[in-house]
PDB file of N, CA and C in Angstrom:
ATOM      1  N   UNK A   1     125.872  -7.093  67.082  1.00  0.00           N
ATOM      2  CA  UNK A   1     124.604  -6.432  67.392  1.00  0.00           C
ATOM      3  C   UNK A   1     124.123  -6.099  66.201  1.00  0.00           C
ATOM      4  N   UNK A   2     122.840  -5.891  65.666  1.00  0.00           N
ATOM      5  CA  UNK A   2     122.153  -6.298  65.178  1.00  0.00           C
ATOM      6  C   UNK A   2     122.247  -5.055  64.292  1.00  0.00           C
ATOM      7  N   UNK A   3     122.224  -4.719  63.112  1.00  0.00           N
ATOM      8  CA  UNK A   3     122.367  -3.016  62.504  1.00  0.00           C
ATOM      9  C   UNK A   3     120.992  -2.891  61.639  1.00  0.00           C
ATOM     10  N   UNK A   4     120.325  -1.650  62.291  1.00  0.00           N
ATOM     11  CA  UNK A   4     119.084  -1.595  61.447  1.00  0.00           C
ATOM     12  C   UNK A   4     118.702  -0.839  60.517  1.00  0.00           C
ATOM     13  N   UNK A   5     119.584  -1.362  59.244  1.00  0.00           N
ATOM     14  CA  UNK A   5     120.008  -0.618  58.007  1.00  0.00           C
ATOM     15  C   UNK A   5     118.617  -0.662  56.736  1.00  0.00           C
ATOM     16  N   UNK A   6     117.527  -1.699  57.092  1.00  0.00           N
ATOM     17  CA  UNK A   6     117.001  -2.588  56.282  1.00  0.00           C
ATOM     18  C   UNK A   6     115.600  -1.992  56.659  1.00  0.00           C
ATOM     19  N   UNK A   7     114.478  -1.739  55.815  1.00  0.00           N
ATOM     20  CA  UNK A   7     113.054  -1.546  55.547  1.00  0.00           C
ATOM     21  C   UNK A   7     112.199  -2.244  55.342  1.00  0.00           C
ATOM     22  N   UNK A   8     111.592  -2.609  56.081  1.00  0.00           N
ATOM     23  CA  UNK A   8     110.501  -3.717  55.755  1.00  0.00           C
ATOM     24  C   UNK A   8     108.599  -2.991  55.696  1.00  0.00           C
ATOM     25  N   UNK A   9     108.323  -2.780  54.298  1.00  0.00           N
ATOM     26  CA  UNK A   9     106.907  -2.241  54.865  1.00  0.00           C
ATOM     27  C   UNK A   9     105.877  -3.187  54.174  1.00  0.00           C
ATOM     28  N   UNK A  10     104.743  -3.359  55.036  1.00  0.00           N
ATOM     29  CA  UNK A  10     103.886  -4.010  54.704  1.00  0.00           C
ATOM     30  C   UNK A  10     102.479  -3.390  54.870  1.00  0.00           C
ATOM     31  N   UNK A  11     101.411  -3.805  54.233  1.00  0.00           N
ATOM     32  CA  UNK A  11     100.143  -3.216  54.354  1.00  0.00           C
ATOM     33  C   UNK A  11      99.498  -4.169  55.708  1.00  0.00           C
ATOM     34  N   UNK A  12      98.310  -3.615  56.468  1.00  0.00           N
ATOM     35  CA  UNK A  12      98.064  -4.312  57.329  1.00  0.00           C
ATOM     36  C   UNK A  12      96.096  -3.640  57.831  1.00  0.00           C
ATOM     37  N   UNK A  13      95.561  -4.814  57.979  1.00  0.00           N
ATOM     38  CA  UNK A  13      93.991  -4.185  57.925  1.00  0.00           C
ATOM     39  C   UNK A  13      94.377  -3.176  59.248  1.00  0.00           C
ATOM     40  N   UNK A  14      93.460  -2.027  59.419  1.00  0.00           N
ATOM     41  CA  UNK A  14      93.945  -1.044  60.401  1.00  0.00           C
ATOM     42  C   UNK A  14      93.186  -1.831  61.960  1.00  0.00           C
ATOM     43  N   UNK A  15      92.353  -2.024  61.750  1.00  0.00           N
ATOM     44  CA  UNK A  15      91.799  -2.913  63.001  1.00  0.00           C
ATOM     45  C   UNK A  15      93.103  -3.651  63.578  1.00  0.00           C
ATOM     46  N   UNK A  16      93.611  -4.566  62.884  1.00  0.00           N
ATOM     47  CA  UNK A  16      94.601  -5.405  63.396  1.00  0.00           C
ATOM     48  C   UNK A  16      96.246  -4.732  63.753  1.00  0.00           C
ATOM     49  N   UNK A  17      96.255  -3.378  62.924  1.00  0.00           N
ATOM     50  CA  UNK A  17      97.309  -3.255  63.594  1.00  0.00           C
ATOM     51  C   UNK A  17      96.887  -1.884  64.816  1.00  0.00           C
ATOM     52  N   UNK A  18      95.839  -1.739  64.940  1.00  0.00           N
ATOM     53  CA  UNK A  18      95.571  -0.995  66.206  1.00  0.00           C
ATOM     54  C   UNK A  18      95.433  -1.854  67.551  1.00  0.00           C
ATOM     55  N   UNK A  19      95.043  -3.041  67.047  1.00  0.00           N
ATOM     56  CA  UNK A  19      95.102  -4.299  68.177  1.00  0.00           C
ATOM     57  C   UNK A  19      96.426  -4.354  68.983  1.00  0.00           C
ATOM     58  N   UNK A  20      97.245  -4.810  67.331  1.00  0.00           N
ATOM     59  CA  UNK A  20      98.927  -5.250  67.445  1.00  0.00           C
ATOM     60  C   UNK A  20      99.521  -4.097  68.471  1.00  0.00           C
ATOM     61  N   UNK A  21      99.450  -2.793  67.779  1.00  0.00           N
ATOM     62  CA  UNK A  21      99.808  -2.241  68.786  1.00  0.00           C
ATOM     63  C   UNK A  21      99.522  -1.599  70.390  1.00  0.00           C
ATOM     64  N   UNK A  22      98.227  -1.648  70.551  1.00  0.00           N
ATOM     65  CA  UNK A  22      97.772  -2.047  72.132  1.00  0.00           C
ATOM     66  C   UNK A  22      98.481  -3.001  72.698  1.00  0.00           C
ATOM     67  N   UNK A  23      98.516  -4.311  71.968  1.00  0.00           N
ATOM     68  CA  UNK A  23      99.014  -5.327  72.726  1.00  0.00           C
ATOM     69  C   UNK A  23     100.612  -4.981  73.016  1.00  0.00           C
ATOM     70  N   UNK A  24     101.120  -4.551  71.993  1.00  0.00           N
ATOM     71  CA  UNK A  24     102.971  -4.054  72.263  1.00  0.00           C
ATOM     72  C   UNK A  24     102.958  -3.340  73.397  1.00  0.00           C
ATOM     73  N   UNK A  25     102.377  -2.236  73.487  1.00  0.00           N
ATOM     74  CA  UNK A  25     101.836  -1.458  74.624  1.00  0.00           C
ATOM     75  C   UNK A  25     101.896  -1.899  75.964  1.00  0.00           C
ATOM     76  N   UNK A  26     101.233  -2.865  76.054  1.00  0.00           N
ATOM     77  CA  UNK A  26     101.131  -3.584  77.244  1.00  0.00           C
ATOM     78  C   UNK A  26     102.157  -4.561  77.900  1.00  0.00           C
ATOM     79  N   UNK A  27     102.760  -5.024  76.438  1.00  0.00           N
ATOM     80  CA  UNK A  27     103.866  -5.784  77.028  1.00  0.00           C
ATOM     81  C   UNK A  27     105.394  -4.509  77.187  1.00  0.00           C
ATOM     82  N   UNK A  28     104.911  -3.587  77.072  1.00  0.00           N
ATOM     83  CA  UNK A  28     106.082  -2.272  77.352  1.00  0.00           C
ATOM     84  C   UNK A  28     107.498  -2.418  75.826  1.00  0.00           C
ATOM     85  N   UNK A  29     106.866  -2.829  75.059  1.00  0.00           N
ATOM     86  CA  UNK A  29     107.674  -3.001  73.946  1.00  0.00           C
ATOM     87  C   UNK A  29     106.984  -2.177  72.283  1.00  0.00           C
ATOM     88  N   UNK A  30     107.834  -1.942  71.252  1.00  0.00           N
ATOM     89  CA  UNK A  30     107.092  -1.071  70.231  1.00  0.00           C
ATOM     90  C   UNK A  30     107.058  -2.178  69.303  1.00  0.00           C
ATOM     91  N   UNK A  31     105.883  -1.777  68.318  1.00  0.00           N
ATOM     92  CA  UNK A  31     105.852  -2.994  67.732  1.00  0.00           C
ATOM     93  C   UNK A  31     106.817  -3.004  66.267  1.00  0.00           C
ATOM     94  N   UNK A  32     107.923  -2.381  66.297  1.00  0.00           N
ATOM     95  CA  UNK A  32     108.862  -2.756  65.681  1.00  0.00           C
ATOM     96  C   UNK A  32     109.576  -3.706  66.507  1.00  0.00           C
ATOM     97  N   UNK A  33     110.061  -3.653  67.622  1.00  0.00           N
ATOM     98  CA  UNK A  33     111.036  -4.771  68.314  1.00  0.00           C
ATOM     99  C   UNK A  33     110.191  -5.612  68.246  1.00  0.00           C
ATOM    100  N   UNK A  34     108.446  -5.627  68.132  1.00  0.00           N
ATOM    101  CA  UNK A  34     107.869  -7.476  68.357  1.00  0.00           C
ATOM    102  C   UNK A  34     107.839  -7.707  66.724  1.00  0.00           C
ATOM    103  N   UNK A  35     108.087  -7.079  65.723  1.00  0.00           N
ATOM    104  CA  UNK A  35     108.227  -7.544  64.405  1.00  0.00           C
ATOM    105  C   UNK A  35     109.741  -8.005  64.040  1.00  0.00           C
ATOM    106  N   UNK A  36     110.596  -7.323  64.964  1.00  0.00           N
ATOM    107  CA  UNK A  36     111.857  -7.889  64.830  1.00  0.00           C
ATOM    108  C   UNK A  36     112.293  -9.435  65.506  1.00  0.00           C
ATOM    109  N   UNK A  37     111.444  -9.278  66.771  1.00  0.00           N
ATOM    110  CA  UNK A  37     111.445 -10.493  67.346  1.00  0.00           C
ATOM    111  C   UNK A  37     110.515 -11.671  67.097  1.00  0.00           C
ATOM    112  N   UNK A  38     109.612 -11.629  65.880  1.00  0.00           N
ATOM    113  CA  UNK A  38     109.039 -12.199  64.935  1.00  0.00           C
ATOM    114  C   UNK A  38     109.942 -12.927  64.228  1.00  0.00           C
ATOM    115  N   UNK A  39     110.564 -12.219  63.564  1.00  0.00           N
ATOM    116  CA  UNK A  39     111.690 -12.252  62.603  1.00  0.00           C
ATOM    117  C   UNK A  39     112.755 -13.291  62.840  1.00  0.00           C
ATOM    118  N   UNK A  40     113.524 -13.157  63.945  1.00  0.00           N
ATOM    119  CA  UNK A  40     114.617 -14.339  64.683  1.00  0.00           C
ATOM    120  C   UNK A  40     114.064 -15.087  65.018  1.00  0.00           C
ATOM    121  N   UNK A  41     112.688 -15.165  65.543  1.00  0.00           N
ATOM    122  CA  UNK A  41     112.008 -16.569  66.199  1.00  0.00           C
ATOM    123  C   UNK A  41     111.843 -17.007  64.934  1.00  0.00           C
ATOM    124  N   UNK A  42     111.476 -17.050  63.809  1.00  0.00           N
ATOM    125  CA  UNK A  42     111.246 -17.669  62.392  1.00  0.00           C
ATOM    126  C   UNK A  42     112.201 -18.029  61.696  1.00  0.00           C
ATOM    127  N   UNK A  43     113.248 -17.114  61.472  1.00  0.00           N
ATOM    128  CA  UNK A  43     114.381 -17.774  61.039  1.00  0.00           C
ATOM    129  C   UNK A  43     115.199 -18.882  62.048  1.00  0.00           C
ATOM    130  N   UNK A  44     114.788 -19.102  63.370  1.00  0.00           N
ATOM    131  CA  UNK A  44     115.830 -20.128  64.459  1.00  0.00           C
ATOM    132  C   UNK A  44     114.555 -21.023  63.984  1.00  0.00           C
ATOM    133  N   UNK A  45     113.352 -20.637  64.061  1.00  0.00           N
ATOM    134  CA  UNK A  45     112.614 -22.156  63.923  1.00  0.00           C
ATOM    135  C   UNK A  45     112.605 -22.802  62.647  1.00  0.00           C
ATOM    136  N   UNK A  46     113.030 -21.843  61.017  1.00  0.00           N
ATOM    137  CA  UNK A  46     112.934 -22.685  59.986  1.00  0.00           C
ATOM    138  C   UNK A  46     114.366 -23.023  59.914  1.00  0.00           C
ATOM    139  N   UNK A  47     115.201 -22.710  60.272  1.00  0.00           N
ATOM    140  CA  UNK A  47     116.940 -22.837  59.856  1.00  0.00           C
ATOM    141  C   UNK A  47     117.055 -23.556  61.251  1.00  0.00           C
ATOM    142  N   UNK A  48     116.454 -23.845  62.189  1.00  0.00           N
ATOM    143  CA  UNK A  48     117.076 -24.589  63.525  1.00  0.00           C
ATOM    144  C   UNK A  48     118.975 -23.610  63.894  1.00  0.00           C
ATOM    145  N   UNK A  49     119.040 -22.699  63.488  1.00  0.00           N
ATOM    146  CA  UNK A  49     120.180 -21.968  63.961  1.00  0.00           C
ATOM    147  C   UNK A  49     119.908 -20.751  64.356  1.00  0.00           C
ATOM    148  N   UNK A  50     121.059 -20.458  65.350  1.00  0.00           N
ATOM    149  CA  UNK A  50     120.352 -18.867  65.980  1.00  0.00           C
ATOM    150  C   UNK A  50     120.709 -17.907  64.361  1.00  0.00           C
ATOM    151  N   UNK A  51     120.064 -16.678  64.509  1.00  0.00           N
ATOM    152  CA  UNK A  51     119.614 -16.109  63.721  1.00  0.00           C
ATOM    153  C   UNK A  51     121.196 -15.564  63.157  1.00  0.00           C
ATOM    154  N   UNK A  52     122.311 -15.219  63.632  1.00  0.00           N
ATOM    155  CA  UNK A  52     123.172 -14.540  63.574  1.00  0.00           C
ATOM    156  C   UNK A  52     124.116 -15.651  62.566  1.00  0.00           C
ATOM    157  N   UNK A  53     124.327 -16.888  63.228  1.00  0.00           N
ATOM    158  CA  UNK A  53     124.752 -18.125  62.383  1.00  0.00           C
ATOM    159  C   UNK A  53     124.154 -18.104  61.211  1.00  0.00           C
ATOM    160  N   UNK A  54     122.973 -18.051  60.888  1.00  0.00           N
ATOM    161  CA  UNK A  54     121.778 -18.493  59.624  1.00  0.00           C
ATOM    162  C   UNK A  54     122.318 -16.927  58.730  1.00  0.00           C
ATOM    163  N   UNK A  55     122.524 -15.830  59.071  1.00  0.00           N
ATOM    164  CA  UNK A  55     122.457 -14.727  58.436  1.00  0.00           C
ATOM    165  C   UNK A  55     124.007 -14.612  57.738  1.00  0.00           C
ATOM    166  N   UNK A  56     125.014 -15.574  58.105  1.00  0.00           N
ATOM    167  CA  UNK A  56     126.489 -15.797  57.649  1.00  0.00           C
ATOM    168  C   UNK A  56     126.321 -17.125  56.634  1.00  0.00           C
ATOM    169  N   UNK A  57     125.842 -18.132  56.259  1.00  0.00           N
ATOM    170  CA  UNK A  57     125.550 -18.932  55.635  1.00  0.00           C
ATOM    171  C   UNK A  57     125.792 -18.482  53.943  1.00  0.00           C
TER     172      UNK A  57
END
């Protein structure tokens, strides 16, 4: 199970943020859930491994 103990802060254009939040709501996910999914997918794409396996290297 993923532990959510770290915080990531980023700056984004307000219009992009509003559209992102709207699109997330249409998928019935929170923006945080979607960002975590993006990060997991990126790790797997870059390493070719499941994100849990990659974090244990």
